[in-house]
Amino acid sequence: MRLFETLRVWSKKRRSPICATDDRFASLKPPNKRVPCEQCYMCKLKMMPEMKKEVNLYVMPRMAEYSASKGGGSRHLLVNAGTERIVIKIKCSNNDLYRVSPVYSFLNPGKALRLYIVRDPGPAKVDKLVLIYMNSTCKSPREAFAKDFQTDRNERRKTLIALVAHDLPHRLRTNA
């Protein structure tokens, strides 16, 4: 009887009853303690439909500040924390003042990429950089985003980098 108490405590820790179909405990369970398979945590996991693999793109930092009158540059780190190769396309809301390198790129799983943004002098305003990314097996990054290439728009994901240009001296960071 002590063994059944141990199993009951173990089952409570898992927050799920022990499954009646689990072969490891079949000989140990009393008949009145058997549980229908639909209530078992492990069986629920097995019955769940396969989740779509999430593409994880981390961007650091997510905001860049520039002097509006002098311009400037910033570096950002893009990291693929997913398990599949992704392709990235970068769009900017103001191509007259900003230059971005690279615009198209691949990023392998577990790898990082340095993104360079340069701003020319101009009026103070807030702009944005949109990073569009998705899983891809294409040989060239431009091919993956081509209009004639058959990609589902739902597979594409987006993340933003805020680009803030101002001339407030107390807000600007100085690299001294």
N, C-alpha and C. Protein backbone atom coordinates (compact mmCIF):
# COMPACT_ATOMS: atom_id res chain seq x y z
N MET A 1 0.82 -1.20 0.00
CA MET A 1 0.00 0.00 0.00
C MET A 1 0.86 1.26 0.00
N ARG A 2 2.01 1.20 0.54
CA ARG A 2 2.89 2.35 0.59
C ARG A 2 3.32 2.78 -0.83
N LEU A 3 3.49 1.83 -1.70
CA LEU A 3 3.88 2.14 -3.07
C LEU A 3 2.78 2.94 -3.78
N PHE A 4 1.52 2.61 -3.54
CA PHE A 4 0.42 3.36 -4.14
C PHE A 4 0.37 4.79 -3.62
N GLU A 5 0.68 4.97 -2.34
CA GLU A 5 0.73 6.33 -1.78
C GLU A 5 1.83 7.14 -2.47
N THR A 6 2.96 6.51 -2.70
CA THR A 6 4.07 7.18 -3.38
C THR A 6 3.65 7.59 -4.79
N LEU A 7 2.98 6.70 -5.49
CA LEU A 7 2.52 7.02 -6.84
C LEU A 7 1.50 8.14 -6.83
N ARG A 8 0.62 8.18 -5.85
CA ARG A 8 -0.38 9.23 -5.77
C ARG A 8 0.29 10.59 -5.55
N VAL A 9 1.29 10.64 -4.67
CA VAL A 9 2.01 11.89 -4.42
C VAL A 9 2.75 12.31 -5.68
N TRP A 10 3.38 11.35 -6.35
CA TRP A 10 4.11 11.66 -7.58
C TRP A 10 3.14 12.19 -8.64
N SER A 11 1.97 11.60 -8.69
CA SER A 11 0.96 12.03 -9.65
C SER A 11 0.49 13.46 -9.34
N LYS A 12 0.34 13.81 -8.07
CA LYS A 12 -0.08 15.16 -7.70
C LYS A 12 0.99 16.18 -8.04
N LYS A 13 2.26 15.80 -7.92
CA LYS A 13 3.34 16.72 -8.27
C LYS A 13 3.31 17.02 -9.76
N ARG A 14 2.95 16.03 -10.56
CA ARG A 14 2.85 16.23 -12.00
C ARG A 14 1.58 16.97 -12.37
N ARG A 15 0.67 17.17 -11.41
CA ARG A 15 -0.62 17.80 -11.60
C ARG A 15 -1.47 17.03 -12.61
N SER A 16 -1.28 15.75 -12.64
CA SER A 16 -2.05 14.92 -13.55
C SER A 16 -2.08 13.50 -13.00
N PRO A 17 -3.21 12.81 -13.12
CA PRO A 17 -3.24 11.43 -12.66
C PRO A 17 -2.38 10.54 -13.56
N ILE A 18 -1.99 9.41 -13.01
CA ILE A 18 -1.20 8.45 -13.79
C ILE A 18 -2.13 7.76 -14.77
N CYS A 19 -1.69 7.63 -15.98
CA CYS A 19 -2.50 7.06 -17.04
C CYS A 19 -2.66 5.56 -16.86
N ALA A 20 -3.86 5.07 -17.14
CA ALA A 20 -4.12 3.63 -17.05
C ALA A 20 -3.42 2.88 -18.17
N THR A 21 -3.06 3.58 -19.22
CA THR A 21 -2.40 2.90 -20.35
C THR A 21 -0.88 2.93 -20.24
N ASP A 22 -0.35 3.56 -19.20
CA ASP A 22 1.10 3.62 -19.02
C ASP A 22 1.60 2.26 -18.56
N ASP A 23 2.41 1.61 -19.38
CA ASP A 23 2.87 0.25 -19.09
C ASP A 23 3.79 0.18 -17.87
N ARG A 24 4.47 1.26 -17.56
CA ARG A 24 5.39 1.21 -16.43
C ARG A 24 4.68 1.01 -15.11
N PHE A 25 3.43 1.49 -14.99
CA PHE A 25 2.71 1.41 -13.73
C PHE A 25 1.48 0.51 -13.80
N ALA A 26 1.32 -0.24 -14.87
CA ALA A 26 0.11 -1.05 -15.07
C ALA A 26 -0.08 -2.08 -13.96
N SER A 27 0.99 -2.71 -13.52
CA SER A 27 0.85 -3.75 -12.49
C SER A 27 0.72 -3.15 -11.09
N LEU A 28 1.03 -1.88 -10.91
CA LEU A 28 1.03 -1.27 -9.59
C LEU A 28 -0.27 -0.56 -9.24
N LYS A 29 -1.08 -0.21 -10.23
CA LYS A 29 -2.28 0.57 -9.96
C LYS A 29 -3.44 -0.32 -9.54
N PRO A 30 -4.11 0.05 -8.48
CA PRO A 30 -5.32 -0.70 -8.14
C PRO A 30 -6.40 -0.42 -9.18
N PRO A 31 -7.30 -1.35 -9.43
CA PRO A 31 -8.30 -1.18 -10.49
C PRO A 31 -9.18 0.05 -10.32
N ASN A 32 -9.49 0.43 -9.08
CA ASN A 32 -10.39 1.58 -8.89
C ASN A 32 -9.68 2.92 -9.07
N LYS A 33 -8.35 2.95 -9.21
CA LYS A 33 -7.59 4.20 -9.36
C LYS A 33 -7.20 4.46 -10.81
N ARG A 34 -7.63 3.60 -11.72
CA ARG A 34 -7.26 3.81 -13.11
C ARG A 34 -8.00 5.00 -13.69
N VAL A 35 -7.33 5.70 -14.55
CA VAL A 35 -7.84 6.96 -15.09
C VAL A 35 -8.05 6.81 -16.59
N PRO A 36 -9.12 7.38 -17.12
CA PRO A 36 -9.28 7.35 -18.58
C PRO A 36 -8.13 8.09 -19.24
N CYS A 37 -7.75 7.65 -20.39
CA CYS A 37 -6.58 8.19 -21.07
C CYS A 37 -6.74 9.67 -21.41
N GLU A 38 -7.96 10.17 -21.61
CA GLU A 38 -8.16 11.58 -21.97
C GLU A 38 -7.71 12.54 -20.88
N GLN A 39 -7.62 12.07 -19.63
CA GLN A 39 -7.24 12.94 -18.53
C GLN A 39 -5.74 12.94 -18.28
N CYS A 40 -5.02 12.05 -18.90
CA CYS A 40 -3.58 11.93 -18.65
C CYS A 40 -2.83 13.06 -19.35
N TYR A 41 -1.93 13.68 -18.64
CA TYR A 41 -1.15 14.79 -19.18
C TYR A 41 -0.29 14.33 -20.35
N MET A 42 0.39 13.21 -20.21
CA MET A 42 1.27 12.73 -21.27
C MET A 42 0.49 12.36 -22.52
N CYS A 43 -0.66 11.75 -22.35
CA CYS A 43 -1.47 11.39 -23.52
C CYS A 43 -2.04 12.63 -24.21
N LYS A 44 -2.35 13.67 -23.43
CA LYS A 44 -2.82 14.91 -24.04
C LYS A 44 -1.72 15.52 -24.91
N LEU A 45 -0.48 15.44 -24.43
CA LEU A 45 0.62 15.96 -25.22
C LEU A 45 0.79 15.18 -26.51
N LYS A 46 0.63 13.86 -26.43
CA LYS A 46 0.78 13.04 -27.63
C LYS A 46 -0.33 13.31 -28.63
N MET A 47 -1.52 13.66 -28.15
CA MET A 47 -2.65 13.88 -29.04
C MET A 47 -2.69 15.29 -29.61
N MET A 48 -1.90 16.21 -29.07
CA MET A 48 -1.92 17.58 -29.56
C MET A 48 -1.39 17.63 -30.99
N PRO A 49 -1.98 18.47 -31.83
CA PRO A 49 -1.44 18.60 -33.18
C PRO A 49 -0.07 19.25 -33.10
N GLU A 50 0.77 18.92 -34.05
CA GLU A 50 2.12 19.48 -34.03
C GLU A 50 2.05 20.98 -34.19
N MET A 51 2.73 21.66 -33.29
CA MET A 51 2.75 23.12 -33.35
C MET A 51 3.71 23.56 -34.45
N LYS A 52 3.36 24.64 -35.10
CA LYS A 52 4.22 25.18 -36.13
C LYS A 52 5.48 25.73 -35.46
N LYS A 53 6.63 25.46 -36.04
CA LYS A 53 7.87 25.91 -35.43
C LYS A 53 7.94 27.43 -35.48
N GLU A 54 8.15 28.02 -34.35
CA GLU A 54 8.20 29.47 -34.24
C GLU A 54 9.58 29.96 -34.65
N VAL A 55 9.61 31.01 -35.44
CA VAL A 55 10.87 31.62 -35.83
C VAL A 55 11.19 32.68 -34.79
N ASN A 56 12.34 32.58 -34.19
CA ASN A 56 12.72 33.52 -33.15
C ASN A 56 13.85 34.41 -33.64
N LEU A 57 13.58 35.66 -33.83
CA LEU A 57 14.58 36.64 -34.21
C LEU A 57 14.64 37.69 -33.11
N TYR A 58 15.79 37.76 -32.46
CA TYR A 58 15.98 38.75 -31.40
C TYR A 58 16.80 39.90 -31.95
N VAL A 59 16.37 41.12 -31.62
CA VAL A 59 17.03 42.34 -32.08
C VAL A 59 17.45 43.14 -30.87
N MET A 60 18.73 43.52 -30.83
CA MET A 60 19.24 44.33 -29.72
C MET A 60 20.12 45.43 -30.26
N PRO A 61 19.95 46.66 -29.91
CA PRO A 61 18.82 47.29 -29.23
C PRO A 61 17.67 47.52 -30.21
N ARG A 62 16.49 47.76 -29.68
CA ARG A 62 15.30 47.94 -30.50
C ARG A 62 15.03 49.41 -30.83
N MET A 63 15.91 50.30 -30.37
CA MET A 63 15.74 51.72 -30.64
C MET A 63 17.11 52.34 -30.90
N ALA A 64 17.16 53.30 -31.82
CA ALA A 64 18.40 54.01 -32.12
C ALA A 64 18.13 55.51 -32.05
N GLU A 65 19.04 56.24 -31.39
CA GLU A 65 18.91 57.69 -31.28
C GLU A 65 20.04 58.35 -32.06
N TYR A 66 19.69 59.41 -32.80
CA TYR A 66 20.67 60.13 -33.61
C TYR A 66 20.51 61.63 -33.38
N SER A 67 21.59 62.36 -33.63
CA SER A 67 21.52 63.81 -33.65
C SER A 67 20.91 64.21 -35.00
N ALA A 68 19.87 65.02 -34.96
CA ALA A 68 19.21 65.41 -36.21
C ALA A 68 20.12 66.30 -37.06
N SER A 69 20.88 67.19 -36.42
CA SER A 69 21.72 68.13 -37.18
C SER A 69 23.03 67.50 -37.66
N LYS A 70 23.54 66.51 -36.93
CA LYS A 70 24.82 65.89 -37.29
C LYS A 70 24.68 64.54 -37.96
N GLY A 71 23.58 63.86 -37.72
CA GLY A 71 23.44 62.49 -38.22
C GLY A 71 24.16 61.54 -37.29
N GLY A 72 24.50 60.37 -37.78
CA GLY A 72 25.21 59.40 -36.95
C GLY A 72 24.98 57.99 -37.43
N GLY A 73 25.44 57.06 -36.64
CA GLY A 73 25.30 55.65 -36.99
C GLY A 73 25.00 54.80 -35.77
N SER A 74 24.49 53.62 -36.02
CA SER A 74 24.23 52.68 -34.92
C SER A 74 24.42 51.26 -35.41
N ARG A 75 24.74 50.38 -34.47
CA ARG A 75 24.90 48.96 -34.76
C ARG A 75 23.88 48.19 -33.95
N HIS A 76 23.32 47.18 -34.58
CA HIS A 76 22.32 46.34 -33.93
C HIS A 76 22.69 44.89 -34.16
N LEU A 77 22.35 44.04 -33.21
CA LEU A 77 22.66 42.62 -33.31
C LEU A 77 21.37 41.85 -33.55
N LEU A 78 21.36 41.03 -34.59
CA LEU A 78 20.23 40.16 -34.90
C LEU A 78 20.65 38.73 -34.59
N VAL A 79 19.86 38.01 -33.81
CA VAL A 79 20.19 36.64 -33.41
C VAL A 79 19.03 35.73 -33.78
N ASN A 80 19.35 34.62 -34.45
CA ASN A 80 18.35 33.61 -34.78
C ASN A 80 18.37 32.56 -33.68
N ALA A 81 17.37 32.57 -32.81
CA ALA A 81 17.28 31.60 -31.72
C ALA A 81 16.41 30.42 -32.09
N GLY A 82 15.97 30.36 -33.33
CA GLY A 82 15.13 29.25 -33.78
C GLY A 82 15.97 28.05 -34.20
N THR A 83 15.31 27.10 -34.83
CA THR A 83 15.98 25.87 -35.26
C THR A 83 16.08 25.77 -36.77
N GLU A 84 15.60 26.78 -37.49
CA GLU A 84 15.65 26.75 -38.95
C GLU A 84 16.28 28.03 -39.48
N ARG A 85 16.81 27.92 -40.69
CA ARG A 85 17.43 29.06 -41.35
C ARG A 85 16.34 30.07 -41.73
N ILE A 86 16.62 31.34 -41.48
CA ILE A 86 15.65 32.38 -41.84
C ILE A 86 16.28 33.36 -42.82
N VAL A 87 15.42 34.00 -43.57
CA VAL A 87 15.84 35.04 -44.51
C VAL A 87 15.22 36.35 -44.01
N ILE A 88 16.00 37.44 -44.14
CA ILE A 88 15.58 38.74 -43.60
C ILE A 88 15.61 39.78 -44.71
N LYS A 89 14.59 40.63 -44.73
CA LYS A 89 14.54 41.78 -45.61
C LYS A 89 14.26 42.99 -44.74
N ILE A 90 14.99 44.09 -44.99
CA ILE A 90 14.85 45.27 -44.15
C ILE A 90 14.28 46.42 -44.99
N LYS A 91 13.24 47.05 -44.47
CA LYS A 91 12.61 48.21 -45.10
C LYS A 91 12.70 49.39 -44.15
N CYS A 92 12.84 50.58 -44.71
CA CYS A 92 12.92 51.79 -43.90
C CYS A 92 11.82 52.76 -44.32
N SER A 93 11.31 53.52 -43.35
CA SER A 93 10.25 54.48 -43.65
C SER A 93 10.79 55.75 -44.30
N ASN A 94 12.12 55.97 -44.26
CA ASN A 94 12.71 57.17 -44.85
C ASN A 94 14.05 56.81 -45.48
N ASN A 95 14.03 56.45 -46.75
CA ASN A 95 15.26 56.05 -47.43
C ASN A 95 16.13 57.24 -47.82
N ASP A 96 15.62 58.46 -47.72
CA ASP A 96 16.43 59.63 -48.04
C ASP A 96 17.48 59.91 -46.96
N LEU A 97 17.14 59.64 -45.70
CA LEU A 97 18.05 59.96 -44.60
C LEU A 97 18.81 58.74 -44.05
N TYR A 98 18.30 57.53 -44.27
CA TYR A 98 18.90 56.35 -43.65
C TYR A 98 19.47 55.40 -44.70
N ARG A 99 20.60 54.81 -44.36
CA ARG A 99 21.20 53.74 -45.15
C ARG A 99 21.38 52.54 -44.24
N VAL A 100 21.03 51.37 -44.76
CA VAL A 100 21.07 50.14 -43.96
C VAL A 100 21.93 49.12 -44.67
N SER A 101 22.72 48.40 -43.90
CA SER A 101 23.54 47.33 -44.45
C SER A 101 23.54 46.15 -43.49
N PRO A 102 23.21 44.98 -43.93
CA PRO A 102 22.70 44.52 -45.22
C PRO A 102 21.19 44.69 -45.30
N VAL A 103 20.67 44.76 -46.53
CA VAL A 103 19.23 44.88 -46.74
C VAL A 103 18.60 43.49 -46.78
N TYR A 104 19.21 42.56 -47.50
CA TYR A 104 18.77 41.16 -47.55
C TYR A 104 19.84 40.30 -46.92
N SER A 105 19.42 39.28 -46.18
CA SER A 105 20.42 38.41 -45.55
C SER A 105 19.79 37.10 -45.11
N PHE A 106 20.65 36.08 -45.02
CA PHE A 106 20.27 34.81 -44.39
C PHE A 106 20.81 34.81 -42.97
N LEU A 107 20.16 34.07 -42.09
CA LEU A 107 20.64 33.92 -40.72
C LEU A 107 20.41 32.47 -40.31
N ASN A 108 21.50 31.75 -40.11
CA ASN A 108 21.43 30.34 -39.74
C ASN A 108 21.06 30.19 -38.27
N PRO A 109 20.54 29.03 -37.87
CA PRO A 109 20.14 28.82 -36.47
C PRO A 109 21.31 29.01 -35.51
N GLY A 110 21.06 29.76 -34.45
CA GLY A 110 22.08 29.98 -33.43
C GLY A 110 23.14 30.99 -33.79
N LYS A 111 23.04 31.60 -34.95
CA LYS A 111 24.05 32.57 -35.40
C LYS A 111 23.55 34.00 -35.20
N ALA A 112 24.48 34.94 -35.31
CA ALA A 112 24.16 36.36 -35.14
C ALA A 112 24.63 37.14 -36.36
N LEU A 113 24.02 38.29 -36.56
CA LEU A 113 24.35 39.16 -37.68
C LEU A 113 24.38 40.60 -37.18
N ARG A 114 25.37 41.35 -37.62
CA ARG A 114 25.49 42.76 -37.24
C ARG A 114 24.80 43.61 -38.30
N LEU A 115 23.90 44.48 -37.86
CA LEU A 115 23.16 45.38 -38.74
C LEU A 115 23.67 46.80 -38.51
N TYR A 116 24.04 47.48 -39.60
CA TYR A 116 24.54 48.85 -39.52
C TYR A 116 23.49 49.81 -40.09
N ILE A 117 23.22 50.88 -39.33
CA ILE A 117 22.28 51.91 -39.78
C ILE A 117 23.01 53.25 -39.71
N VAL A 118 22.99 53.99 -40.82
CA VAL A 118 23.64 55.30 -40.88
C VAL A 118 22.58 56.34 -41.22
N ARG A 119 22.58 57.44 -40.45
CA ARG A 119 21.63 58.54 -40.71
C ARG A 119 22.38 59.78 -41.14
N ASP A 120 21.90 60.40 -42.21
CA ASP A 120 22.46 61.67 -42.68
C ASP A 120 21.80 62.82 -41.93
N PRO A 121 22.43 64.00 -41.88
CA PRO A 121 21.80 65.15 -41.23
C PRO A 121 20.48 65.52 -41.92
N GLY A 122 19.51 65.90 -41.10
CA GLY A 122 18.20 66.25 -41.64
C GLY A 122 17.28 66.69 -40.53
N PRO A 123 16.00 66.82 -40.82
CA PRO A 123 15.05 67.29 -39.80
C PRO A 123 14.85 66.26 -38.69
N ALA A 124 14.51 66.77 -37.51
CA ALA A 124 14.25 65.89 -36.36
C ALA A 124 12.89 65.22 -36.55
N LYS A 125 12.88 63.90 -36.49
CA LYS A 125 11.64 63.14 -36.63
C LYS A 125 11.87 61.71 -36.20
N VAL A 126 10.78 60.98 -36.08
CA VAL A 126 10.83 59.57 -35.70
C VAL A 126 10.50 58.74 -36.93
N ASP A 127 11.36 57.78 -37.23
CA ASP A 127 11.15 56.86 -38.34
C ASP A 127 11.19 55.44 -37.81
N LYS A 128 10.99 54.50 -38.71
CA LYS A 128 11.04 53.10 -38.28
C LYS A 128 11.73 52.25 -39.33
N LEU A 129 12.31 51.17 -38.84
CA LEU A 129 12.94 50.17 -39.68
C LEU A 129 12.15 48.88 -39.47
N VAL A 130 11.67 48.28 -40.54
CA VAL A 130 10.88 47.06 -40.44
C VAL A 130 11.73 45.89 -40.90
N LEU A 131 11.87 44.88 -40.04
CA LEU A 131 12.59 43.66 -40.39
C LEU A 131 11.55 42.59 -40.69
N ILE A 132 11.49 42.16 -41.94
CA ILE A 132 10.57 41.11 -42.36
C ILE A 132 11.39 39.83 -42.46
N TYR A 133 10.92 38.77 -41.81
CA TYR A 133 11.69 37.53 -41.81
C TYR A 133 10.78 36.32 -41.88
N MET A 134 11.34 35.21 -42.38
CA MET A 134 10.59 33.96 -42.50
C MET A 134 11.56 32.81 -42.72
N ASN A 135 11.07 31.59 -42.56
CA ASN A 135 11.87 30.41 -42.87
C ASN A 135 12.04 30.33 -44.38
N SER A 136 13.22 29.89 -44.82
CA SER A 136 13.43 29.78 -46.26
C SER A 136 14.54 28.79 -46.57
N THR A 137 14.37 28.11 -47.69
CA THR A 137 15.41 27.20 -48.18
C THR A 137 15.95 27.69 -49.52
N CYS A 138 15.62 28.91 -49.90
CA CYS A 138 16.08 29.48 -51.18
C CYS A 138 17.59 29.67 -51.16
N LYS A 139 18.14 29.79 -52.37
CA LYS A 139 19.59 29.99 -52.47
C LYS A 139 19.98 31.46 -52.37
N SER A 140 19.06 32.35 -52.71
CA SER A 140 19.37 33.77 -52.59
C SER A 140 18.27 34.45 -51.77
N PRO A 141 18.64 35.41 -50.92
CA PRO A 141 17.63 36.07 -50.09
C PRO A 141 16.61 36.86 -50.90
N ARG A 142 17.04 37.47 -52.00
CA ARG A 142 16.10 38.23 -52.83
C ARG A 142 15.06 37.31 -53.46
N GLU A 143 15.48 36.11 -53.81
CA GLU A 143 14.56 35.14 -54.42
C GLU A 143 13.42 34.78 -53.46
N ALA A 144 13.72 34.72 -52.17
CA ALA A 144 12.70 34.35 -51.18
C ALA A 144 11.59 35.39 -51.09
N PHE A 145 11.94 36.66 -51.32
CA PHE A 145 10.94 37.72 -51.21
C PHE A 145 10.40 38.18 -52.56
N ALA A 146 10.80 37.52 -53.64
CA ALA A 146 10.32 37.89 -54.97
C ALA A 146 8.82 37.65 -55.07
N LYS A 147 8.14 38.49 -55.83
CA LYS A 147 6.68 38.39 -55.94
C LYS A 147 6.24 37.11 -56.64
N ASP A 148 7.04 36.63 -57.60
CA ASP A 148 6.64 35.44 -58.33
C ASP A 148 6.91 34.16 -57.54
N PHE A 149 7.69 34.26 -56.47
CA PHE A 149 7.97 33.07 -55.66
C PHE A 149 6.76 32.76 -54.79
N GLN A 150 6.38 31.50 -54.73
CA GLN A 150 5.17 31.10 -54.01
C GLN A 150 5.42 31.03 -52.51
N THR A 151 5.18 32.12 -51.81
CA THR A 151 5.27 32.13 -50.35
C THR A 151 3.95 32.59 -49.77
N ASP A 152 3.62 32.02 -48.68
CA ASP A 152 2.39 32.40 -47.98
C ASP A 152 2.68 33.65 -47.15
N ARG A 153 1.85 34.66 -47.28
CA ARG A 153 2.05 35.90 -46.52
C ARG A 153 1.95 35.67 -45.02
N ASN A 154 1.22 34.65 -44.60
CA ASN A 154 1.08 34.37 -43.17
C ASN A 154 2.37 33.85 -42.56
N GLU A 155 3.27 33.32 -43.37
CA GLU A 155 4.54 32.82 -42.86
C GLU A 155 5.50 33.96 -42.52
N ARG A 156 5.28 35.11 -43.12
CA ARG A 156 6.19 36.24 -42.88
C ARG A 156 5.88 36.88 -41.54
N ARG A 157 6.95 37.20 -40.82
CA ARG A 157 6.81 37.87 -39.53
C ARG A 157 7.56 39.20 -39.60
N LYS A 158 7.19 40.12 -38.72
CA LYS A 158 7.81 41.44 -38.72
C LYS A 158 8.22 41.84 -37.32
N THR A 159 9.28 42.63 -37.25
CA THR A 159 9.67 43.28 -36.01
C THR A 159 10.20 44.67 -36.38
N LEU A 160 10.17 45.58 -35.43
CA LEU A 160 10.52 46.97 -35.70
C LEU A 160 11.73 47.43 -34.91
N ILE A 161 12.43 48.41 -35.49
CA ILE A 161 13.46 49.16 -34.78
C ILE A 161 13.05 50.63 -34.90
N ALA A 162 12.91 51.31 -33.77
CA ALA A 162 12.54 52.73 -33.78
C ALA A 162 13.78 53.57 -34.04
N LEU A 163 13.67 54.53 -34.94
CA LEU A 163 14.77 55.43 -35.29
C LEU A 163 14.36 56.84 -34.88
N VAL A 164 15.00 57.37 -33.84
CA VAL A 164 14.63 58.66 -33.27
C VAL A 164 15.76 59.66 -33.54
N ALA A 165 15.43 60.76 -34.21
CA ALA A 165 16.40 61.82 -34.47
C ALA A 165 15.92 63.09 -33.79
N HIS A 166 16.76 63.66 -32.93
CA HIS A 166 16.42 64.90 -32.22
C HIS A 166 17.69 65.63 -31.87
N ASP A 167 17.56 66.86 -31.40
CA ASP A 167 18.70 67.66 -30.97
C ASP A 167 18.55 68.10 -29.53
N LEU A 168 18.07 67.24 -28.69
CA LEU A 168 17.98 67.52 -27.26
C LEU A 168 19.27 67.04 -26.61
N PRO A 169 20.12 67.96 -26.14
CA PRO A 169 21.44 67.55 -25.63
C PRO A 169 21.37 66.63 -24.42
N HIS A 170 20.37 66.79 -23.58
CA HIS A 170 20.30 65.95 -22.38
C HIS A 170 19.84 64.53 -22.73
N ARG A 171 19.29 64.32 -23.92
CA ARG A 171 18.82 62.99 -24.31
C ARG A 171 19.83 62.22 -25.16
N LEU A 172 20.76 62.94 -25.79
CA LEU A 172 21.73 62.27 -26.66
C LEU A 172 22.81 61.60 -25.84
N ARG A 173 23.15 60.40 -26.24
CA ARG A 173 24.24 59.68 -25.57
C ARG A 173 25.55 60.09 -26.22
N THR A 174 26.54 60.34 -25.40
CA THR A 174 27.86 60.68 -25.94
C THR A 174 28.80 59.53 -25.67
N ASN A 175 29.59 59.19 -26.65
CA ASN A 175 30.56 58.10 -26.50
C ASN A 175 31.90 58.68 -26.10
N ALA A 176 32.04 59.07 -24.84
CA ALA A 176 33.28 59.67 -24.35
C ALA A 176 34.06 58.68 -23.53
